[in-house]
Amino acid sequence: MKINVWCKTDKGLRRESNQDSFLVSEEMGLYIVADGMGGHSGGEVASAMAVSGAQDVIRHRAELGLSPRDLVTKAFEEASRKIYEKAAQENRLAGMGTTMVLCLVDGKSIFVGNVGDSRAYLFRSPHLWQMTEDHSLLNEQLRAGIINDEQAKSFTSRNVITRSVGYEREVHVDVIERPLQSGDCVLVCSDGLSGLVEDEMICEILTRTPTEKIVEACI
């Protein structure tokens, strides 16, 4: 299966630094987006460590002998442990953590691991599905029926996440498997996109934009 990949990161208009990290490894079939959190340089350190830690695990998949699903889980577990231990050693990094979405292509299937509120979408024209579940206070309030979709637009704590990589030593990972078809488009992003651009607009971009220009159009 031939896969074409485009990626770009942008710090946006609000912050001086960029706490996002990403990885594209066509050789391993591995694609990651992480959005860090933490004061000073904590977020940048956490997201970079998450990506490198996960990559190290996937790189040794042959020796580990794990199923793709278990391999993705272990990648998150090892990344979380390393970040937590690093934060415990350096006061300036205390409390750091990161979201992470990891996509591992294995044969004709994609295995998606997720912690936090970064997202993976599957676009199979003309439909767009959010494959991942947001681990956020906003999503918990929506699922519990405490607020509705209209109230969610002005929810003041929309950036509060309820699960992250590295804030605690252990982490609970959502892992899903989806079969891939020719022509499928998988969009992986931080809330820098999904928190500001409605799904309907993302779907419109994916529908009308040449594939190689989608990332730039989303930004």
Protein backbone atom coordinates (compact mmCIF):
# COMPACT_ATOMS: atom_id res chain seq x y z
CA MET A 1 0.00 0.00 0.00
CA LYS A 2 1.49 3.35 -1.07
CA ILE A 3 1.11 6.18 1.42
CA ASN A 4 1.70 9.86 0.72
CA VAL A 5 2.33 12.12 3.69
CA TRP A 6 2.31 15.88 4.20
CA CYS A 7 2.92 17.61 7.51
CA LYS A 8 3.51 21.03 8.97
CA THR A 9 3.44 22.71 12.36
CA ASP A 10 2.63 26.33 13.17
CA LYS A 11 2.82 28.07 16.56
CA GLY A 12 -0.22 30.19 15.81
CA LEU A 13 -0.85 33.79 16.84
CA ARG A 14 -1.11 33.47 20.62
CA ARG A 15 2.13 31.87 21.86
CA GLU A 16 5.80 32.66 21.41
CA SER A 17 6.84 29.00 21.43
CA ASN A 18 5.59 25.88 19.69
CA GLN A 19 4.95 22.93 22.01
CA ASP A 20 3.95 20.52 19.24
CA SER A 21 6.14 17.68 18.04
CA PHE A 22 5.55 15.24 15.20
CA LEU A 23 7.13 12.26 13.51
CA VAL A 24 6.84 10.82 10.03
CA SER A 25 8.54 7.47 9.46
CA GLU A 26 7.34 5.80 6.30
CA GLU A 27 9.88 3.05 6.86
CA MET A 28 8.19 2.01 10.13
CA GLY A 29 4.70 3.04 9.04
CA LEU A 30 4.68 5.35 12.06
CA TYR A 31 3.07 8.78 12.26
CA ILE A 32 2.78 10.82 15.50
CA VAL A 33 1.46 14.19 16.65
CA ALA A 34 2.03 15.39 20.24
CA ASP A 35 0.94 18.66 21.86
CA GLY A 36 2.85 19.44 25.06
CA MET A 37 1.71 21.14 28.25
CA GLY A 38 3.73 22.59 31.10
CA GLY A 39 5.32 25.87 32.17
CA HIS A 40 8.51 27.28 30.67
CA SER A 41 9.92 24.65 28.31
CA GLY A 42 8.03 21.73 29.87
CA GLY A 43 5.55 21.29 27.06
CA GLU A 44 8.21 21.27 24.38
CA VAL A 45 10.30 18.76 26.32
CA ALA A 46 7.33 16.48 27.02
CA SER A 47 6.06 16.35 23.44
CA ALA A 48 9.56 15.74 22.05
CA MET A 49 10.21 12.99 24.62
CA ALA A 50 6.87 11.34 23.87
CA VAL A 51 7.63 11.16 20.17
CA SER A 52 11.17 9.87 20.62
CA GLY A 53 10.14 7.40 23.33
CA ALA A 54 7.35 5.95 21.23
CA GLN A 55 9.61 5.75 18.20
CA ASP A 56 12.19 3.77 20.19
CA VAL A 57 9.59 1.16 21.09
CA ILE A 58 8.26 0.76 17.55
CA ARG A 59 11.82 0.53 16.23
CA HIS A 60 12.30 -2.63 18.32
CA ARG A 61 9.01 -4.27 17.35
CA ALA A 62 10.71 -7.37 15.93
CA GLU A 63 12.52 -8.08 19.20
CA LEU A 64 9.46 -7.32 21.32
CA GLY A 65 7.25 -9.70 19.35
CA LEU A 66 4.08 -7.85 20.29
CA SER A 67 0.85 -7.50 18.33
CA PRO A 68 0.37 -4.07 16.72
CA ARG A 69 -2.23 -3.14 19.36
CA ASP A 70 0.05 -4.14 22.26
CA LEU A 71 2.99 -2.42 20.59
CA VAL A 72 1.10 0.88 20.41
CA THR A 73 0.11 0.54 24.07
CA LYS A 74 3.70 -0.14 25.10
CA ALA A 75 4.90 2.89 23.12
CA PHE A 76 2.65 5.14 25.19
CA GLU A 77 3.57 3.44 28.46
CA GLU A 78 7.30 3.83 27.89
CA ALA A 79 6.92 7.45 26.76
CA SER A 80 4.86 8.29 29.85
CA ARG A 81 7.34 6.64 32.19
CA LYS A 82 10.30 8.51 30.70
CA ILE A 83 8.56 11.90 30.84
CA TYR A 84 7.39 11.35 34.41
CA GLU A 85 10.88 10.36 35.57
CA LYS A 86 12.45 13.34 33.78
CA ALA A 87 9.99 15.74 35.45
CA ALA A 88 10.75 14.20 38.86
CA GLN A 89 14.46 14.93 38.36
CA GLU A 90 14.12 18.58 37.28
CA ASN A 91 11.95 21.05 39.19
CA ARG A 92 11.55 23.34 36.19
CA LEU A 93 9.80 20.50 34.34
CA ALA A 94 7.48 19.46 37.19
CA GLY A 95 3.96 18.66 36.02
CA MET A 96 4.79 18.50 32.34
CA GLY A 97 2.88 16.20 30.04
CA THR A 98 1.59 15.94 26.51
CA THR A 99 -1.21 14.70 24.34
CA MET A 100 -0.24 12.15 21.72
CA VAL A 101 -1.89 10.51 18.75
CA LEU A 102 0.10 7.65 17.22
CA CYS A 103 -0.79 5.95 13.95
CA LEU A 104 0.85 2.65 13.05
CA VAL A 105 0.12 1.25 9.60
CA ASP A 106 0.33 -2.54 9.53
CA GLY A 107 -0.58 -4.21 6.28
CA LYS A 108 -3.97 -2.87 5.23
CA SER A 109 -4.93 -1.70 8.72
CA ILE A 110 -4.13 1.36 10.79
CA PHE A 111 -3.78 1.17 14.56
CA VAL A 112 -4.44 4.48 16.28
CA GLY A 113 -3.40 5.16 19.87
CA ASN A 114 -4.63 8.26 21.65
CA VAL A 115 -4.20 10.09 24.94
CA GLY A 116 -5.48 13.65 25.39
CA ASP A 117 -7.42 15.87 23.00
CA SER A 118 -5.32 15.76 19.85
CA ARG A 119 -7.26 13.92 17.17
CA ALA A 120 -7.15 11.51 14.27
CA TYR A 121 -9.82 11.79 11.60
CA LEU A 122 -10.61 9.40 8.77
CA PHE A 123 -11.87 10.99 5.57
CA ARG A 124 -13.46 8.57 3.13
CA SER A 125 -15.12 10.85 0.61
CA PRO A 126 -17.58 12.39 1.20
CA HIS A 127 -17.65 11.49 4.92
CA LEU A 128 -15.40 12.53 7.82
CA TRP A 129 -15.18 10.51 11.05
CA GLN A 130 -13.37 11.45 14.24
CA MET A 131 -11.62 8.17 15.11
CA THR A 132 -10.27 9.25 18.49
CA GLU A 133 -12.14 10.22 21.66
CA ASP A 134 -11.12 13.48 23.33
CA HIS A 135 -9.90 13.04 26.90
CA SER A 136 -11.01 16.50 27.98
CA LEU A 137 -13.25 18.15 30.53
CA LEU A 138 -15.32 19.55 27.68
CA ASN A 139 -15.98 16.12 26.20
CA GLU A 140 -16.82 14.65 29.60
CA GLN A 141 -19.38 17.42 30.18
CA LEU A 142 -20.89 16.79 26.73
CA ARG A 143 -21.09 13.01 27.23
CA ALA A 144 -22.69 13.46 30.65
CA GLY A 145 -25.33 15.78 29.21
CA ILE A 146 -24.28 18.64 31.50
CA ILE A 147 -23.81 20.95 28.51
CA ASN A 148 -25.02 20.79 24.91
CA ASP A 149 -23.23 21.42 21.61
CA GLU A 150 -24.20 25.08 21.58
CA GLN A 151 -22.94 25.68 25.13
CA ALA A 152 -19.71 23.86 24.27
CA LYS A 153 -18.74 26.68 21.91
CA SER A 154 -18.33 29.08 24.85
CA PHE A 155 -17.14 26.53 27.43
CA THR A 156 -14.45 28.33 29.44
CA SER A 157 -12.39 25.24 30.35
CA ARG A 158 -12.25 23.73 26.87
CA ASN A 159 -8.45 23.35 27.05
CA VAL A 160 -8.46 21.23 30.23
CA ILE A 161 -7.48 17.65 29.42
CA THR A 162 -8.29 14.73 31.70
CA ARG A 163 -5.62 12.32 30.48
CA SER A 164 -2.06 12.98 29.31
CA VAL A 165 1.25 11.27 28.62
CA GLY A 166 3.82 11.82 31.36
CA TYR A 167 1.86 13.73 33.97
CA GLU A 168 1.60 10.42 35.79
CA ARG A 169 3.93 7.45 35.47
CA GLU A 170 1.17 5.16 34.18
CA VAL A 171 -1.18 6.04 31.38
CA HIS A 172 -4.40 4.56 30.00
CA VAL A 173 -4.33 4.41 26.20
CA ASP A 174 -7.21 4.14 23.75
CA VAL A 175 -6.22 1.94 20.80
CA ILE A 176 -8.45 1.34 17.80
CA GLU A 177 -7.95 -0.59 14.56
CA ARG A 178 -9.42 0.43 11.23
CA PRO A 179 -9.06 -1.19 7.79
CA LEU A 180 -7.72 1.15 5.12
CA GLN A 181 -8.99 1.50 1.59
CA SER A 182 -7.41 3.08 -1.44
CA GLY A 183 -8.14 6.81 -1.42
CA ASP A 184 -8.54 7.09 2.36
CA CYS A 185 -7.17 10.22 4.01
CA VAL A 186 -6.13 10.22 7.67
CA LEU A 187 -5.77 13.65 9.26
CA VAL A 188 -3.88 13.83 12.57
CA CYS A 189 -3.82 17.16 14.40
CA SER A 190 -3.56 18.96 17.72
CA ASP A 191 -6.37 21.11 19.11
CA GLY A 192 -4.65 24.03 17.40
CA LEU A 193 -6.72 22.89 14.42
CA SER A 194 -9.67 20.95 15.84
CA GLY A 195 -10.26 23.46 18.65
CA LEU A 196 -10.60 26.37 16.25
CA VAL A 197 -11.90 24.91 12.99
CA GLU A 198 -15.26 23.15 12.92
CA ASP A 199 -15.41 19.58 11.62
CA GLU A 200 -17.69 20.75 8.81
CA MET A 201 -14.99 23.12 7.58
CA ILE A 202 -12.30 20.45 7.88
CA CYS A 203 -14.48 18.11 5.81
CA GLU A 204 -14.99 20.84 3.22
CA ILE A 205 -11.23 21.40 2.97
CA LEU A 206 -10.60 17.68 2.55
CA THR A 207 -13.29 17.47 -0.12
CA ARG A 208 -12.29 20.42 -2.24
CA THR A 209 -8.52 20.76 -1.78
CA PRO A 210 -5.81 18.87 -3.70
CA THR A 211 -4.27 16.38 -1.28
CA GLU A 212 -0.81 17.97 -1.27
CA LYS A 213 -2.32 21.34 -0.26
CA ILE A 214 -4.64 20.14 2.53
CA VAL A 215 -2.23 20.78 5.42
CA GLU A 216 -1.54 24.35 4.34
CA ALA A 217 -5.26 24.98 3.83
CA CYS A 218 -6.06 23.70 7.33
CA ILE A 219 -3.47 26.01 8.89
